[in-house]
Amino acid sequence: MPKRVLTGTIVSDKGDKTVVVNVERKVKHPLYGKIIRRTKKYHAHDEGNVFKLGQTVRIEECAPMSKLKTWKVIEGGGVADTGVEDVA
């Protein structure tokens, strides 16, 4: 069976070798038909602590590494807007 791959944004990188990834999906309401955003947070393994807050990453299912970690980061994308500007 193929492993699931999801794309999301890192919302926390405080744990050692762990990032929390927020994955958003859009579903259609069964009765009203409106498109609704559903989000879920996944704890993913980041071996080298290279991924930072706000980055868009792809995560892949793997064997459980701890109580919460059953995903690992396979590649990182661009940096998302964190809403904080640098003032020089």
N, C-alpha and C. Protein backbone atom coordinates (compact mmCIF):
# COMPACT_ATOMS: atom_id res chain seq x y z
N MET A 1 0.85 -1.18 0.00
CA MET A 1 0.00 0.00 0.00
C MET A 1 0.89 1.24 0.00
N PRO A 2 0.59 2.21 -0.86
CA PRO A 2 1.42 3.42 -0.91
C PRO A 2 1.25 4.28 0.34
N LYS A 3 2.32 5.01 0.66
CA LYS A 3 2.28 5.89 1.82
C LYS A 3 1.59 7.19 1.45
N ARG A 4 0.83 7.73 2.40
CA ARG A 4 0.15 9.00 2.16
C ARG A 4 1.16 10.14 2.22
N VAL A 5 0.98 11.12 1.35
CA VAL A 5 1.82 12.31 1.34
C VAL A 5 0.90 13.52 1.42
N LEU A 6 1.16 14.41 2.39
CA LEU A 6 0.35 15.60 2.59
C LEU A 6 1.23 16.85 2.51
N THR A 7 0.61 17.98 2.19
CA THR A 7 1.33 19.26 2.13
C THR A 7 0.72 20.20 3.16
N GLY A 8 1.60 20.87 3.91
CA GLY A 8 1.11 21.79 4.93
C GLY A 8 2.15 22.81 5.32
N THR A 9 1.80 23.64 6.29
CA THR A 9 2.65 24.72 6.76
C THR A 9 3.11 24.42 8.19
N ILE A 10 4.38 24.66 8.47
CA ILE A 10 4.91 24.43 9.80
C ILE A 10 4.41 25.53 10.74
N VAL A 11 3.78 25.10 11.84
CA VAL A 11 3.27 26.06 12.82
C VAL A 11 4.09 26.05 14.10
N SER A 12 4.96 25.04 14.28
CA SER A 12 5.83 24.99 15.44
C SER A 12 7.07 24.17 15.11
N ASP A 13 8.24 24.69 15.55
CA ASP A 13 9.49 23.94 15.37
C ASP A 13 10.27 23.91 16.69
N LYS A 14 9.55 23.97 17.80
CA LYS A 14 10.19 24.07 19.11
C LYS A 14 10.77 22.74 19.60
N GLY A 15 10.17 21.62 19.21
CA GLY A 15 10.66 20.33 19.67
C GLY A 15 11.95 19.94 18.95
N ASP A 16 12.77 19.12 19.62
CA ASP A 16 14.00 18.65 19.01
C ASP A 16 13.68 17.58 17.98
N LYS A 17 14.09 17.81 16.74
CA LYS A 17 13.87 16.91 15.61
C LYS A 17 12.38 16.68 15.32
N THR A 18 11.55 17.64 15.72
CA THR A 18 10.11 17.53 15.51
C THR A 18 9.55 18.86 15.04
N VAL A 19 8.65 18.81 14.05
CA VAL A 19 7.91 19.99 13.64
C VAL A 19 6.42 19.64 13.66
N VAL A 20 5.59 20.66 13.89
CA VAL A 20 4.15 20.48 13.83
C VAL A 20 3.67 21.13 12.54
N VAL A 21 3.00 20.33 11.71
CA VAL A 21 2.57 20.77 10.38
C VAL A 21 1.05 20.88 10.37
N ASN A 22 0.55 22.03 9.95
CA ASN A 22 -0.88 22.27 9.83
C ASN A 22 -1.30 21.97 8.39
N VAL A 23 -2.15 20.96 8.20
CA VAL A 23 -2.60 20.56 6.86
C VAL A 23 -4.05 20.98 6.71
N GLU A 24 -4.32 21.70 5.63
CA GLU A 24 -5.67 22.20 5.37
C GLU A 24 -6.27 21.48 4.17
N ARG A 25 -7.52 21.08 4.31
CA ARG A 25 -8.22 20.46 3.18
C ARG A 25 -9.59 21.12 3.05
N LYS A 26 -10.14 21.07 1.88
CA LYS A 26 -11.45 21.68 1.64
C LYS A 26 -12.45 20.58 1.33
N VAL A 27 -13.57 20.61 2.05
CA VAL A 27 -14.61 19.61 1.86
C VAL A 27 -15.94 20.31 1.60
N LYS A 28 -16.81 19.62 0.92
CA LYS A 28 -18.13 20.15 0.62
C LYS A 28 -19.10 19.69 1.71
N HIS A 29 -19.87 20.63 2.25
CA HIS A 29 -20.84 20.29 3.28
C HIS A 29 -21.87 19.34 2.69
N PRO A 30 -22.18 18.25 3.39
CA PRO A 30 -23.07 17.24 2.80
C PRO A 30 -24.49 17.73 2.50
N LEU A 31 -25.00 18.66 3.28
CA LEU A 31 -26.37 19.13 3.07
C LEU A 31 -26.42 20.45 2.30
N TYR A 32 -25.61 21.42 2.72
CA TYR A 32 -25.71 22.76 2.16
C TYR A 32 -24.81 23.01 0.96
N GLY A 33 -23.81 22.19 0.76
CA GLY A 33 -22.97 22.31 -0.42
C GLY A 33 -21.88 23.36 -0.34
N LYS A 34 -21.80 24.07 0.78
CA LYS A 34 -20.76 25.08 0.92
C LYS A 34 -19.40 24.41 1.12
N ILE A 35 -18.37 25.00 0.54
CA ILE A 35 -17.02 24.49 0.69
C ILE A 35 -16.47 24.98 2.04
N ILE A 36 -16.01 24.04 2.87
CA ILE A 36 -15.53 24.35 4.21
C ILE A 36 -14.07 23.96 4.33
N ARG A 37 -13.28 24.80 5.02
CA ARG A 37 -11.87 24.47 5.26
C ARG A 37 -11.76 23.67 6.55
N ARG A 38 -11.11 22.53 6.47
CA ARG A 38 -10.85 21.70 7.64
C ARG A 38 -9.34 21.61 7.83
N THR A 39 -8.86 21.79 9.06
CA THR A 39 -7.43 21.73 9.31
C THR A 39 -7.13 20.65 10.35
N LYS A 40 -5.93 20.09 10.25
CA LYS A 40 -5.46 19.12 11.22
C LYS A 40 -3.96 19.29 11.38
N LYS A 41 -3.48 19.11 12.62
CA LYS A 41 -2.06 19.25 12.89
C LYS A 41 -1.42 17.87 13.01
N TYR A 42 -0.27 17.72 12.37
CA TYR A 42 0.48 16.48 12.43
C TYR A 42 1.87 16.76 12.98
N HIS A 43 2.37 15.89 13.86
CA HIS A 43 3.74 15.96 14.35
C HIS A 43 4.60 15.17 13.38
N ALA A 44 5.64 15.78 12.84
CA ALA A 44 6.48 15.13 11.84
C ALA A 44 7.94 15.17 12.27
N HIS A 45 8.68 14.15 11.84
CA HIS A 45 10.10 14.02 12.19
C HIS A 45 10.95 14.86 11.24
N ASP A 46 11.83 15.68 11.82
CA ASP A 46 12.76 16.53 11.07
C ASP A 46 14.16 16.21 11.59
N GLU A 47 14.85 15.28 10.93
CA GLU A 47 16.11 14.73 11.43
C GLU A 47 17.17 15.79 11.72
N GLY A 48 17.35 16.76 10.82
CA GLY A 48 18.43 17.73 11.00
C GLY A 48 18.02 19.07 11.56
N ASN A 49 16.79 19.20 12.03
CA ASN A 49 16.27 20.49 12.51
C ASN A 49 16.47 21.60 11.48
N VAL A 50 16.22 21.30 10.20
CA VAL A 50 16.49 22.27 9.14
C VAL A 50 15.25 23.07 8.75
N PHE A 51 14.07 22.58 9.06
CA PHE A 51 12.85 23.27 8.65
C PHE A 51 12.41 24.24 9.73
N LYS A 52 11.96 25.43 9.30
CA LYS A 52 11.65 26.51 10.23
C LYS A 52 10.17 26.89 10.14
N LEU A 53 9.74 27.67 11.11
CA LEU A 53 8.37 28.14 11.22
C LEU A 53 7.92 28.86 9.96
N GLY A 54 6.74 28.54 9.46
CA GLY A 54 6.18 29.22 8.30
C GLY A 54 6.49 28.57 6.97
N GLN A 55 7.39 27.60 6.93
CA GLN A 55 7.73 26.95 5.67
C GLN A 55 6.63 26.00 5.24
N THR A 56 6.45 25.85 3.94
CA THR A 56 5.53 24.88 3.39
C THR A 56 6.32 23.61 3.11
N VAL A 57 5.85 22.49 3.65
CA VAL A 57 6.58 21.22 3.52
C VAL A 57 5.64 20.10 3.10
N ARG A 58 6.25 19.01 2.62
CA ARG A 58 5.50 17.79 2.33
C ARG A 58 5.89 16.75 3.36
N ILE A 59 4.89 16.06 3.92
CA ILE A 59 5.15 15.04 4.92
C ILE A 59 4.63 13.69 4.40
N GLU A 60 5.31 12.62 4.85
CA GLU A 60 4.97 11.28 4.39
C GLU A 60 4.76 10.38 5.60
N GLU A 61 3.81 9.48 5.49
CA GLU A 61 3.53 8.53 6.54
C GLU A 61 4.73 7.61 6.76
N CYS A 62 4.96 7.22 8.00
CA CYS A 62 6.05 6.29 8.30
C CYS A 62 5.66 5.47 9.54
N ALA A 63 6.53 4.56 9.92
CA ALA A 63 6.29 3.77 11.14
C ALA A 63 6.32 4.71 12.35
N PRO A 64 5.56 4.41 13.39
CA PRO A 64 5.54 5.29 14.56
C PRO A 64 6.93 5.48 15.18
N MET A 65 7.29 6.75 15.43
CA MET A 65 8.57 7.08 16.06
C MET A 65 8.38 7.41 17.54
N SER A 66 7.19 7.83 17.89
CA SER A 66 6.85 8.13 19.28
C SER A 66 5.33 8.09 19.40
N LYS A 67 4.83 8.54 20.52
CA LYS A 67 3.38 8.51 20.75
C LYS A 67 2.62 9.31 19.69
N LEU A 68 3.16 10.47 19.30
CA LEU A 68 2.46 11.35 18.36
C LEU A 68 3.06 11.35 16.97
N LYS A 69 4.34 11.01 16.82
CA LYS A 69 5.02 11.15 15.52
C LYS A 69 4.90 9.89 14.67
N THR A 70 4.11 9.98 13.60
CA THR A 70 4.02 8.89 12.63
C THR A 70 4.20 9.43 11.21
N TRP A 71 4.78 10.63 11.11
CA TRP A 71 5.03 11.27 9.83
C TRP A 71 6.46 11.76 9.80
N LYS A 72 7.05 11.90 8.61
CA LYS A 72 8.38 12.49 8.47
C LYS A 72 8.36 13.48 7.33
N VAL A 73 9.15 14.54 7.46
CA VAL A 73 9.23 15.58 6.43
C VAL A 73 10.10 15.05 5.30
N ILE A 74 9.57 15.10 4.06
CA ILE A 74 10.36 14.60 2.93
C ILE A 74 10.97 15.72 2.10
N GLU A 75 10.31 16.86 2.05
CA GLU A 75 10.90 18.00 1.32
C GLU A 75 10.24 19.29 1.77
N GLY A 76 11.02 20.36 1.67
CA GLY A 76 10.52 21.67 2.06
C GLY A 76 10.35 22.56 0.86
N GLY A 77 9.35 23.41 0.93
CA GLY A 77 9.12 24.35 -0.16
C GLY A 77 9.55 25.75 0.22
N GLY A 78 8.79 26.71 -0.25
CA GLY A 78 9.10 28.12 0.03
C GLY A 78 8.70 28.51 1.43
N VAL A 79 8.97 29.75 1.75
CA VAL A 79 8.63 30.28 3.07
C VAL A 79 7.30 31.01 2.97
N ALA A 80 6.38 30.66 3.85
CA ALA A 80 5.08 31.32 3.87
C ALA A 80 5.19 32.64 4.59
N ASP A 81 4.24 33.53 4.36
CA ASP A 81 4.21 34.83 5.01
C ASP A 81 3.80 34.66 6.46
N THR A 82 4.65 35.08 7.39
CA THR A 82 4.37 34.94 8.81
C THR A 82 3.70 36.18 9.39
N GLY A 83 3.60 37.23 8.61
CA GLY A 83 2.96 38.45 9.07
C GLY A 83 3.88 39.37 9.83
N VAL A 84 5.13 39.02 9.99
CA VAL A 84 6.10 39.84 10.72
C VAL A 84 7.07 40.44 9.70
N GLU A 85 7.21 41.76 9.76
CA GLU A 85 8.12 42.44 8.82
C GLU A 85 9.40 42.83 9.54
N ASP A 86 10.49 42.78 8.82
CA ASP A 86 11.77 43.24 9.37
C ASP A 86 11.88 44.75 9.19
N VAL A 87 12.14 45.44 10.29
CA VAL A 87 12.30 46.89 10.23
C VAL A 87 13.77 47.20 10.49
N ALA A 88 14.41 47.79 9.49
CA ALA A 88 15.85 48.06 9.63
C ALA A 88 16.11 49.49 10.08
